[in-house]
Amino acid sequence: MDIKYENVVIDEKASEKLIELKKIIFNYKSVIVAFSGGVDSTFLAKVSYDVLGNNAVAVTADSPSLARSELENCKRLAKQIGIKHIIISTDELNDGNYKKNPTNRCYYCKRELYLKLMELARQMNLTNILNGLNYDDRSDHRPGNQAANEFKIKSPLLEVKLTKQEIRELSKEFFLPTFDKPAMPCLSSRIQYNTLITSEKLQQVEKAEEYLRSFSLYDLRVRHLGNTARIEADINSLKIIQKNKDKIIEKIKSFGFDNVEINEYKRGNLLQIAV
C-alpha cells in the first residue's frame, strides 16, 4: 500500500521509517542539528522541530569553504521551518592538516565542527548532536564519519535506514524546497587533493560557480586544478555552457585561471585526480 500526497507517492516503508524517526528524535529530548541547508539536514531539521519544537536548534558552520549563497540559503530555510538557527564560525583553515588537503580532509573539518557543537550543546544544555547521514551514504568516501564516531554524533536518518530518494519524497510532501536540490559539498571539495587550500582558491571557485549559476545552472562543479579551472556539469547544463562557451571561458579566466576545461560531471571525480 502506498500513501499519496498531492502528486507525490510515498511508499509504506518510507512512511514507517518517518514514524520511527520521530520516535527516536522524541527520545533525544533536545538536539542540535548540524545544518548545511542540503537535502538531508534540512529534512532532519524540519522533523526535529516538528517533534521537539524549541528544544531543537539548527546550527550552521560558517567559514571560507562555505559559499555566501549557501549561507543565505540556510537562513531562508531555517526561517521557513521555524527552527531556531545559530551560525558559528569554524577555523579549519588554521588547521595545518586540513590546509594540506589530504584525501581525509573532511575528518579535520568535521572534527573542528563537532568540537564547536559540543561546546555549544553544553552551553545551551542540549543533550544530542545530530548529523544528516542517510542510508545511502554508507558506501561513500566520507572521512568525516570518523569524527562523528569519535564525538558520538547521532545519525537518526541512517538509523532508520532512510534512503536519499525517500528523504527527497518526504521533503516534497513537507513542501521543503530542497526536495530536488543537487548535492552541494563545501568549496574545499573542488580543490585538487594534496594541494594547499587557501582562501584565495576558495574565492576563485566560488566566483566561478556563482557566475555559472547566473545561467540558471545548478548541478555543477568548478574544480581548481592549479592554473586550470575544470567545469563539470550534467548533460543539460553542458548544452547551455557550450552555447555560451567563449563568454564563459573569458569570464572564468578573469578570476585568475589560465585555462578552462569543460567536462561532464561525474561523482567522485576529485578522487580520480588526487596527486
C-alpha atoms as a PDB file:
ATOM      1  CA  MET A   1       0.000   0.000   0.000  1.00  0.00           C
ATOM      2  CA  ASP A   2       1.240   3.498  -0.920  1.00  0.00           C
ATOM      3  CA  ILE A   3       0.468   6.830   0.733  1.00  0.00           C
ATOM      4  CA  LYS A   4      -0.337   9.682  -1.690  1.00  0.00           C
ATOM      5  CA  TYR A   5       0.116  13.414  -1.120  1.00  0.00           C
ATOM      6  CA  GLU A   6      -0.823  15.763  -3.979  1.00  0.00           C
ATOM      7  CA  ASN A   7       1.076  14.203  -6.868  1.00  0.00           C
ATOM      8  CA  VAL A   8       3.634  12.623  -4.510  1.00  0.00           C
ATOM      9  CA  VAL A   9       3.624   8.911  -3.801  1.00  0.00           C
ATOM     10  CA  ILE A  10       5.352   7.841  -0.597  1.00  0.00           C
ATOM     11  CA  ASP A  11       5.576   4.108  -0.145  1.00  0.00           C
ATOM     12  CA  GLU A  12       4.582   2.472   3.076  1.00  0.00           C
ATOM     13  CA  LYS A  13       8.185   1.725   4.058  1.00  0.00           C
ATOM     14  CA  ALA A  14       9.148   5.411   3.916  1.00  0.00           C
ATOM     15  CA  SER A  15       6.104   6.316   5.985  1.00  0.00           C
ATOM     16  CA  GLU A  16       7.020   3.713   8.598  1.00  0.00           C
ATOM     17  CA  LYS A  17      10.596   4.981   8.693  1.00  0.00           C
ATOM     18  CA  LEU A  18       9.341   8.517   9.270  1.00  0.00           C
ATOM     19  CA  ILE A  19       7.261   7.361  12.227  1.00  0.00           C
ATOM     20  CA  GLU A  20      10.304   5.573  13.675  1.00  0.00           C
ATOM     21  CA  LEU A  21      12.462   8.660  13.080  1.00  0.00           C
ATOM     22  CA  LYS A  22      10.038  10.828  15.039  1.00  0.00           C
ATOM     23  CA  LYS A  23      10.096   8.357  17.941  1.00  0.00           C
ATOM     24  CA  ILE A  24      13.896   8.397  18.039  1.00  0.00           C
ATOM     25  CA  ILE A  25      14.070  12.191  17.940  1.00  0.00           C
ATOM     26  CA  PHE A  26      11.389  12.460  20.640  1.00  0.00           C
ATOM     27  CA  ASN A  27      13.527  10.278  22.908  1.00  0.00           C
ATOM     28  CA  TYR A  28      16.530  12.567  22.361  1.00  0.00           C
ATOM     29  CA  LYS A  29      14.624  15.277  24.314  1.00  0.00           C
ATOM     30  CA  SER A  30      16.743  18.114  22.880  1.00  0.00           C
ATOM     31  CA  VAL A  31      19.048  18.373  19.876  1.00  0.00           C
ATOM     32  CA  ILE A  32      21.440  20.408  17.794  1.00  0.00           C
ATOM     33  CA  VAL A  33      21.119  19.647  14.084  1.00  0.00           C
ATOM     34  CA  ALA A  34      24.312  20.222  12.081  1.00  0.00           C
ATOM     35  CA  PHE A  35      22.598  22.265   9.379  1.00  0.00           C
ATOM     36  CA  SER A  36      24.180  22.737   5.948  1.00  0.00           C
ATOM     37  CA  GLY A  37      20.984  23.527   4.066  1.00  0.00           C
ATOM     38  CA  GLY A  38      21.252  20.365   1.975  1.00  0.00           C
ATOM     39  CA  VAL A  39      18.508  17.820   1.349  1.00  0.00           C
ATOM     40  CA  ASP A  40      19.253  15.662   4.386  1.00  0.00           C
ATOM     41  CA  SER A  41      19.993  18.238   7.084  1.00  0.00           C
ATOM     42  CA  THR A  42      17.005  20.363   6.033  1.00  0.00           C
ATOM     43  CA  PHE A  43      14.679  17.382   6.275  1.00  0.00           C
ATOM     44  CA  LEU A  44      16.195  16.415   9.630  1.00  0.00           C
ATOM     45  CA  ALA A  45      15.840  19.974  10.949  1.00  0.00           C
ATOM     46  CA  LYS A  46      12.178  20.026   9.866  1.00  0.00           C
ATOM     47  CA  VAL A  47      11.344  16.729  11.579  1.00  0.00           C
ATOM     48  CA  SER A  48      13.336  17.668  14.691  1.00  0.00           C
ATOM     49  CA  TYR A  49      11.478  20.959  15.000  1.00  0.00           C
ATOM     50  CA  ASP A  50       8.114  19.291  14.416  1.00  0.00           C
ATOM     51  CA  VAL A  51       8.836  16.808  17.206  1.00  0.00           C
ATOM     52  CA  LEU A  52      10.778  18.895  19.731  1.00  0.00           C
ATOM     53  CA  GLY A  53       9.819  22.496  18.968  1.00  0.00           C
ATOM     54  CA  ASN A  54      12.184  24.947  20.668  1.00  0.00           C
ATOM     55  CA  ASN A  55      14.244  22.058  22.039  1.00  0.00           C
ATOM     56  CA  ALA A  56      15.640  21.640  18.518  1.00  0.00           C
ATOM     57  CA  VAL A  57      18.272  24.069  17.249  1.00  0.00           C
ATOM     58  CA  ALA A  58      19.842  24.196  13.792  1.00  0.00           C
ATOM     59  CA  VAL A  59      23.500  25.242  13.681  1.00  0.00           C
ATOM     60  CA  THR A  60      25.376  26.242  10.541  1.00  0.00           C
ATOM     61  CA  ALA A  61      29.169  26.428  10.445  1.00  0.00           C
ATOM     62  CA  ASP A  62      30.421  29.488   8.579  1.00  0.00           C
ATOM     63  CA  SER A  63      33.924  29.523   7.121  1.00  0.00           C
ATOM     64  CA  PRO A  64      35.684  30.444   3.856  1.00  0.00           C
ATOM     65  CA  SER A  65      34.728  26.998   2.484  1.00  0.00           C
ATOM     66  CA  LEU A  66      31.002  27.862   2.641  1.00  0.00           C
ATOM     67  CA  ALA A  67      29.663  29.826  -0.333  1.00  0.00           C
ATOM     68  CA  ARG A  68      27.857  33.031   0.676  1.00  0.00           C
ATOM     69  CA  SER A  69      24.823  31.967  -1.333  1.00  0.00           C
ATOM     70  CA  GLU A  70      24.609  28.739   0.680  1.00  0.00           C
ATOM     71  CA  LEU A  71      24.809  30.634   3.966  1.00  0.00           C
ATOM     72  CA  GLU A  72      21.887  32.812   2.878  1.00  0.00           C
ATOM     73  CA  ASN A  73      20.043  29.692   1.788  1.00  0.00           C
ATOM     74  CA  CYS A  74      20.457  28.210   5.276  1.00  0.00           C
ATOM     75  CA  LYS A  75      18.965  31.332   6.796  1.00  0.00           C
ATOM     76  CA  ARG A  76      15.942  31.200   4.493  1.00  0.00           C
ATOM     77  CA  LEU A  77      15.342  27.502   5.106  1.00  0.00           C
ATOM     78  CA  ALA A  78      15.563  27.799   8.895  1.00  0.00           C
ATOM     79  CA  LYS A  79      13.103  30.671   8.803  1.00  0.00           C
ATOM     80  CA  GLN A  80      10.698  28.642   6.663  1.00  0.00           C
ATOM     81  CA  ILE A  81      10.921  25.676   9.043  1.00  0.00           C
ATOM     82  CA  GLY A  82      10.598  27.900  12.109  1.00  0.00           C
ATOM     83  CA  ILE A  83      13.563  26.360  13.898  1.00  0.00           C
ATOM     84  CA  LYS A  84      15.994  28.465  15.914  1.00  0.00           C
ATOM     85  CA  HIS A  85      19.097  28.999  13.783  1.00  0.00           C
ATOM     86  CA  ILE A  86      22.578  29.721  15.073  1.00  0.00           C
ATOM     87  CA  ILE A  87      25.583  30.492  12.873  1.00  0.00           C
ATOM     88  CA  ILE A  88      29.003  29.715  14.313  1.00  0.00           C
ATOM     89  CA  SER A  89      32.451  30.340  12.878  1.00  0.00           C
ATOM     90  CA  THR A  90      34.823  27.437  12.331  1.00  0.00           C
ATOM     91  CA  ASP A  91      38.551  27.777  11.769  1.00  0.00           C
ATOM     92  CA  GLU A  92      39.519  24.696   9.761  1.00  0.00           C
ATOM     93  CA  LEU A  93      41.813  26.766   7.522  1.00  0.00           C
ATOM     94  CA  ASN A  94      44.009  27.347  10.583  1.00  0.00           C
ATOM     95  CA  ASP A  95      44.498  23.583  10.914  1.00  0.00           C
ATOM     96  CA  GLY A  96      47.633  22.610   9.007  1.00  0.00           C
ATOM     97  CA  ASN A  97      46.326  19.074   8.482  1.00  0.00           C
ATOM     98  CA  TYR A  98      43.181  20.374   6.804  1.00  0.00           C
ATOM     99  CA  LYS A  99      45.002  23.009   4.798  1.00  0.00           C
ATOM    100  CA  LYS A 100      47.313  20.400   3.224  1.00  0.00           C
ATOM    101  CA  ASN A 101      44.157  18.894   1.714  1.00  0.00           C
ATOM    102  CA  PRO A 102      44.766  15.150   2.167  1.00  0.00           C
ATOM    103  CA  THR A 103      42.134  12.673   0.995  1.00  0.00           C
ATOM    104  CA  ASN A 104      40.795  12.554   4.581  1.00  0.00           C
ATOM    105  CA  ARG A 105      40.477  16.360   4.715  1.00  0.00           C
ATOM    106  CA  CYS A 106      36.829  16.078   5.774  1.00  0.00           C
ATOM    107  CA  TYR A 107      37.875  14.406   9.019  1.00  0.00           C
ATOM    108  CA  TYR A 108      39.669  17.559  10.177  1.00  0.00           C
ATOM    109  CA  CYS A 109      36.771  19.758   9.090  1.00  0.00           C
ATOM    110  CA  LYS A 110      34.179  17.682  10.944  1.00  0.00           C
ATOM    111  CA  ARG A 111      36.425  17.410  13.987  1.00  0.00           C
ATOM    112  CA  GLU A 112      36.574  21.216  14.158  1.00  0.00           C
ATOM    113  CA  LEU A 113      32.795  21.411  13.672  1.00  0.00           C
ATOM    114  CA  TYR A 114      31.928  18.833  16.304  1.00  0.00           C
ATOM    115  CA  LEU A 115      34.261  20.401  18.859  1.00  0.00           C
ATOM    116  CA  LYS A 116      32.376  23.667  18.439  1.00  0.00           C
ATOM    117  CA  LEU A 117      28.976  21.947  18.526  1.00  0.00           C
ATOM    118  CA  MET A 118      29.873  20.012  21.691  1.00  0.00           C
ATOM    119  CA  GLU A 119      30.765  23.265  23.432  1.00  0.00           C
ATOM    120  CA  LEU A 120      27.559  24.922  22.211  1.00  0.00           C
ATOM    121  CA  ALA A 121      25.486  21.946  23.358  1.00  0.00           C
ATOM    122  CA  ARG A 122      26.987  22.257  26.841  1.00  0.00           C
ATOM    123  CA  GLN A 123      26.274  25.981  26.943  1.00  0.00           C
ATOM    124  CA  MET A 124      22.664  25.533  25.810  1.00  0.00           C
ATOM    125  CA  ASN A 125      22.056  22.360  27.827  1.00  0.00           C
ATOM    126  CA  LEU A 126      21.118  20.366  24.721  1.00  0.00           C
ATOM    127  CA  THR A 127      21.608  16.628  25.011  1.00  0.00           C
ATOM    128  CA  ASN A 128      22.375  15.363  21.484  1.00  0.00           C
ATOM    129  CA  ILE A 129      24.041  16.465  18.254  1.00  0.00           C
ATOM    130  CA  LEU A 130      22.602  15.120  15.014  1.00  0.00           C
ATOM    131  CA  ASN A 131      24.033  14.907  11.506  1.00  0.00           C
ATOM    132  CA  GLY A 132      22.227  14.196   8.243  1.00  0.00           C
ATOM    133  CA  LEU A 133      23.961  10.977   7.270  1.00  0.00           C
ATOM    134  CA  ASN A 134      21.486   8.782   5.367  1.00  0.00           C
ATOM    135  CA  TYR A 135      21.375   5.093   4.499  1.00  0.00           C
ATOM    136  CA  ASP A 136      22.868   5.591   1.027  1.00  0.00           C
ATOM    137  CA  ASP A 137      25.905   7.371   2.463  1.00  0.00           C
ATOM    138  CA  ARG A 138      27.384   4.192   3.906  1.00  0.00           C
ATOM    139  CA  SER A 139      29.388   3.383   0.768  1.00  0.00           C
ATOM    140  CA  ASP A 140      30.610   6.920   0.052  1.00  0.00           C
ATOM    141  CA  HIS A 141      34.113   8.219   0.738  1.00  0.00           C
ATOM    142  CA  ARG A 142      33.280  10.061   3.966  1.00  0.00           C
ATOM    143  CA  PRO A 143      36.257  10.531   6.317  1.00  0.00           C
ATOM    144  CA  GLY A 144      34.090  12.878   8.379  1.00  0.00           C
ATOM    145  CA  ASN A 145      32.275   9.826   9.719  1.00  0.00           C
ATOM    146  CA  GLN A 146      35.347   9.016  11.809  1.00  0.00           C
ATOM    147  CA  ALA A 147      34.976  12.329  13.600  1.00  0.00           C
ATOM    148  CA  ALA A 148      31.250  11.716  14.075  1.00  0.00           C
ATOM    149  CA  ASN A 149      32.030   8.385  15.737  1.00  0.00           C
ATOM    150  CA  GLU A 150      34.672   9.944  17.986  1.00  0.00           C
ATOM    151  CA  PHE A 151      32.229  12.579  19.245  1.00  0.00           C
ATOM    152  CA  LYS A 152      29.266  10.192  19.421  1.00  0.00           C
ATOM    153  CA  ILE A 153      27.220  12.228  16.961  1.00  0.00           C
ATOM    154  CA  LYS A 154      23.793  10.724  16.250  1.00  0.00           C
ATOM    155  CA  SER A 155      22.724   9.806  12.700  1.00  0.00           C
ATOM    156  CA  PRO A 156      18.980   9.116  13.006  1.00  0.00           C
ATOM    157  CA  LEU A 157      18.323   9.065   9.235  1.00  0.00           C
ATOM    158  CA  LEU A 158      20.875   6.291   8.928  1.00  0.00           C
ATOM    159  CA  GLU A 159      19.490   4.527  11.980  1.00  0.00           C
ATOM    160  CA  VAL A 160      16.018   4.204  10.443  1.00  0.00           C
ATOM    161  CA  LYS A 161      17.536   3.359   7.028  1.00  0.00           C
ATOM    162  CA  LEU A 162      16.043   6.315   5.159  1.00  0.00           C
ATOM    163  CA  THR A 163      17.467   6.497   1.641  1.00  0.00           C
ATOM    164  CA  LYS A 164      18.175   9.678  -0.300  1.00  0.00           C
ATOM    165  CA  GLN A 165      15.192   9.100  -2.567  1.00  0.00           C
ATOM    166  CA  GLU A 166      12.876   8.557   0.367  1.00  0.00           C
ATOM    167  CA  ILE A 167      14.141  11.743   2.010  1.00  0.00           C
ATOM    168  CA  ARG A 168      13.505  13.646  -1.227  1.00  0.00           C
ATOM    169  CA  GLU A 169       9.968  12.246  -1.438  1.00  0.00           C
ATOM    170  CA  LEU A 170       9.192  13.091   2.184  1.00  0.00           C
ATOM    171  CA  SER A 171      10.745  16.553   1.752  1.00  0.00           C
ATOM    172  CA  LYS A 172       8.422  17.209  -1.164  1.00  0.00           C
ATOM    173  CA  GLU A 173       5.457  16.154   0.949  1.00  0.00           C
ATOM    174  CA  PHE A 174       6.632  18.655   3.584  1.00  0.00           C
ATOM    175  CA  PHE A 175       6.909  21.393   0.918  1.00  0.00           C
ATOM    176  CA  LEU A 176      10.633  21.775   1.521  1.00  0.00           C
ATOM    177  CA  PRO A 177      12.313  23.470  -1.480  1.00  0.00           C
ATOM    178  CA  THR A 178      15.342  21.229  -1.042  1.00  0.00           C
ATOM    179  CA  PHE A 179      13.472  18.118  -2.232  1.00  0.00           C
ATOM    180  CA  ASP A 180      15.197  18.290  -5.630  1.00  0.00           C
ATOM    181  CA  LYS A 181      18.338  20.174  -4.633  1.00  0.00           C
ATOM    182  CA  PRO A 182      21.571  18.715  -6.035  1.00  0.00           C
ATOM    183  CA  ALA A 183      24.431  17.869  -3.691  1.00  0.00           C
ATOM    184  CA  MET A 184      26.368  20.978  -2.625  1.00  0.00           C
ATOM    185  CA  PRO A 185      29.575  19.942  -0.850  1.00  0.00           C
ATOM    186  CA  CYS A 186      31.871  22.627   0.518  1.00  0.00           C
ATOM    187  CA  LEU A 187      34.119  24.719  -1.719  1.00  0.00           C
ATOM    188  CA  SER A 188      37.228  22.915  -0.476  1.00  0.00           C
ATOM    189  CA  SER A 189      35.968  19.767  -2.183  1.00  0.00           C
ATOM    190  CA  ARG A 190      36.727  21.462  -5.526  1.00  0.00           C
ATOM    191  CA  ILE A 191      40.453  21.782  -4.856  1.00  0.00           C
ATOM    192  CA  GLN A 192      42.767  19.022  -6.025  1.00  0.00           C
ATOM    193  CA  TYR A 193      43.813  16.718  -3.191  1.00  0.00           C
ATOM    194  CA  ASN A 194      47.279  17.208  -1.699  1.00  0.00           C
ATOM    195  CA  THR A 195      47.474  20.785  -2.928  1.00  0.00           C
ATOM    196  CA  LEU A 196      47.234  23.607  -0.425  1.00  0.00           C
ATOM    197  CA  ILE A 197      43.808  25.041   0.375  1.00  0.00           C
ATOM    198  CA  THR A 198      43.817  28.839   0.573  1.00  0.00           C
ATOM    199  CA  SER A 199      41.134  31.489   0.926  1.00  0.00           C
ATOM    200  CA  GLU A 200      42.127  32.811  -2.495  1.00  0.00           C
ATOM    201  CA  LYS A 201      41.483  29.462  -4.190  1.00  0.00           C
ATOM    202  CA  LEU A 202      38.145  29.105  -2.445  1.00  0.00           C
ATOM    203  CA  GLN A 203      37.118  32.570  -3.619  1.00  0.00           C
ATOM    204  CA  GLN A 204      38.105  31.714  -7.195  1.00  0.00           C
ATOM    205  CA  VAL A 205      35.888  28.647  -7.130  1.00  0.00           C
ATOM    206  CA  GLU A 206      33.003  30.497  -5.506  1.00  0.00           C
ATOM    207  CA  LYS A 207      33.093  33.318  -8.061  1.00  0.00           C
ATOM    208  CA  ALA A 208      33.256  30.871 -10.973  1.00  0.00           C
ATOM    209  CA  GLU A 209      30.334  28.784  -9.725  1.00  0.00           C
ATOM    210  CA  GLU A 210      28.214  31.820  -8.906  1.00  0.00           C
ATOM    211  CA  TYR A 211      28.803  33.142 -12.419  1.00  0.00           C
ATOM    212  CA  LEU A 212      27.768  29.837 -13.979  1.00  0.00           C
ATOM    213  CA  ARG A 213      24.595  29.807 -11.881  1.00  0.00           C
ATOM    214  CA  SER A 214      23.650  33.121 -13.459  1.00  0.00           C
ATOM    215  CA  PHE A 215      22.803  30.938 -16.479  1.00  0.00           C
ATOM    216  CA  SER A 216      20.292  29.042 -14.280  1.00  0.00           C
ATOM    217  CA  LEU A 217      22.700  26.136 -13.866  1.00  0.00           C
ATOM    218  CA  TYR A 218      22.831  24.351 -10.517  1.00  0.00           C
ATOM    219  CA  ASP A 219      24.183  20.808 -10.719  1.00  0.00           C
ATOM    220  CA  LEU A 220      27.786  21.716 -11.452  1.00  0.00           C
ATOM    221  CA  ARG A 221      31.303  21.961 -10.048  1.00  0.00           C
ATOM    222  CA  VAL A 222      34.316  24.093 -10.854  1.00  0.00           C
ATOM    223  CA  ARG A 223      37.398  22.050  -9.980  1.00  0.00           C
ATOM    224  CA  HIS A 224      40.503  24.035  -9.034  1.00  0.00           C
ATOM    225  CA  LEU A 225      43.433  22.275 -10.704  1.00  0.00           C
ATOM    226  CA  GLY A 226      46.184  24.810 -10.155  1.00  0.00           C
ATOM    227  CA  ASN A 227      46.142  27.165 -13.146  1.00  0.00           C
ATOM    228  CA  THR A 228      43.216  25.290 -14.697  1.00  0.00           C
ATOM    229  CA  ALA A 229      39.525  25.514 -13.855  1.00  0.00           C
ATOM    230  CA  ARG A 230      37.600  22.423 -14.867  1.00  0.00           C
ATOM    231  CA  ILE A 231      33.868  22.966 -15.241  1.00  0.00           C
ATOM    232  CA  GLU A 232      31.838  19.822 -14.615  1.00  0.00           C
ATOM    233  CA  ALA A 233      28.098  19.808 -15.236  1.00  0.00           C
ATOM    234  CA  ASP A 234      25.270  17.480 -16.201  1.00  0.00           C
ATOM    235  CA  ILE A 235      24.350  16.921 -19.841  1.00  0.00           C
ATOM    236  CA  ASN A 236      21.609  19.555 -19.970  1.00  0.00           C
ATOM    237  CA  SER A 237      23.798  22.170 -18.320  1.00  0.00           C
ATOM    238  CA  LEU A 238      26.666  21.354 -20.677  1.00  0.00           C
ATOM    239  CA  LYS A 239      24.462  22.259 -23.634  1.00  0.00           C
ATOM    240  CA  ILE A 240      23.918  25.745 -22.190  1.00  0.00           C
ATOM    241  CA  ILE A 241      27.605  26.092 -21.349  1.00  0.00           C
ATOM    242  CA  GLN A 242      28.623  25.133 -24.883  1.00  0.00           C
ATOM    243  CA  LYS A 243      26.271  27.757 -26.358  1.00  0.00           C
ATOM    244  CA  ASN A 244      27.964  30.403 -24.218  1.00  0.00           C
ATOM    245  CA  LYS A 245      31.423  28.824 -24.214  1.00  0.00           C
ATOM    246  CA  ASP A 246      33.556  31.782 -25.307  1.00  0.00           C
ATOM    247  CA  LYS A 247      31.919  34.200 -22.891  1.00  0.00           C
ATOM    248  CA  ILE A 248      32.119  31.726 -20.004  1.00  0.00           C
ATOM    249  CA  ILE A 249      35.773  30.876 -20.580  1.00  0.00           C
ATOM    250  CA  GLU A 250      36.734  34.555 -20.762  1.00  0.00           C
ATOM    251  CA  LYS A 251      34.891  35.342 -17.543  1.00  0.00           C
ATOM    252  CA  ILE A 252      36.282  32.414 -15.577  1.00  0.00           C
ATOM    253  CA  LYS A 253      39.813  33.238 -16.705  1.00  0.00           C
ATOM    254  CA  SER A 254      39.265  36.702 -15.243  1.00  0.00           C
ATOM    255  CA  PHE A 255      39.059  35.062 -11.820  1.00  0.00           C
ATOM    256  CA  GLY A 256      42.743  34.078 -12.078  1.00  0.00           C
ATOM    257  CA  PHE A 257      42.804  30.884 -14.145  1.00  0.00           C
ATOM    258  CA  ASP A 258      44.982  30.413 -17.228  1.00  0.00           C
ATOM    259  CA  ASN A 259      42.963  27.540 -18.690  1.00  0.00           C
ATOM    260  CA  VAL A 260      39.360  26.352 -18.597  1.00  0.00           C
ATOM    261  CA  GLU A 261      38.200  22.799 -19.324  1.00  0.00           C
ATOM    262  CA  ILE A 262      34.596  21.637 -19.718  1.00  0.00           C
ATOM    263  CA  ASN A 263      33.585  18.091 -18.742  1.00  0.00           C
ATOM    264  CA  GLU A 264      30.528  16.062 -17.848  1.00  0.00           C
ATOM    265  CA  TYR A 265      30.047  15.886 -14.096  1.00  0.00           C
ATOM    266  CA  LYS A 266      30.757  12.508 -12.517  1.00  0.00           C
ATOM    267  CA  ARG A 267      30.505  11.990  -8.775  1.00  0.00           C
ATOM    268  CA  GLY A 268      33.876  11.353  -7.138  1.00  0.00           C
ATOM    269  CA  ASN A 269      35.955  12.958  -9.894  1.00  0.00           C
ATOM    270  CA  LEU A 270      38.260  14.661  -7.430  1.00  0.00           C
ATOM    271  CA  LEU A 271      39.350  11.313  -6.031  1.00  0.00           C
ATOM    272  CA  GLN A 272      40.420  10.283  -9.507  1.00  0.00           C
ATOM    273  CA  ILE A 273      42.754  13.258  -9.883  1.00  0.00           C
ATOM    274  CA  ALA A 274      44.355  13.147  -6.456  1.00  0.00           C
ATOM    275  CA  VAL A 275      48.104  13.613  -6.613  1.00  0.00           C
END
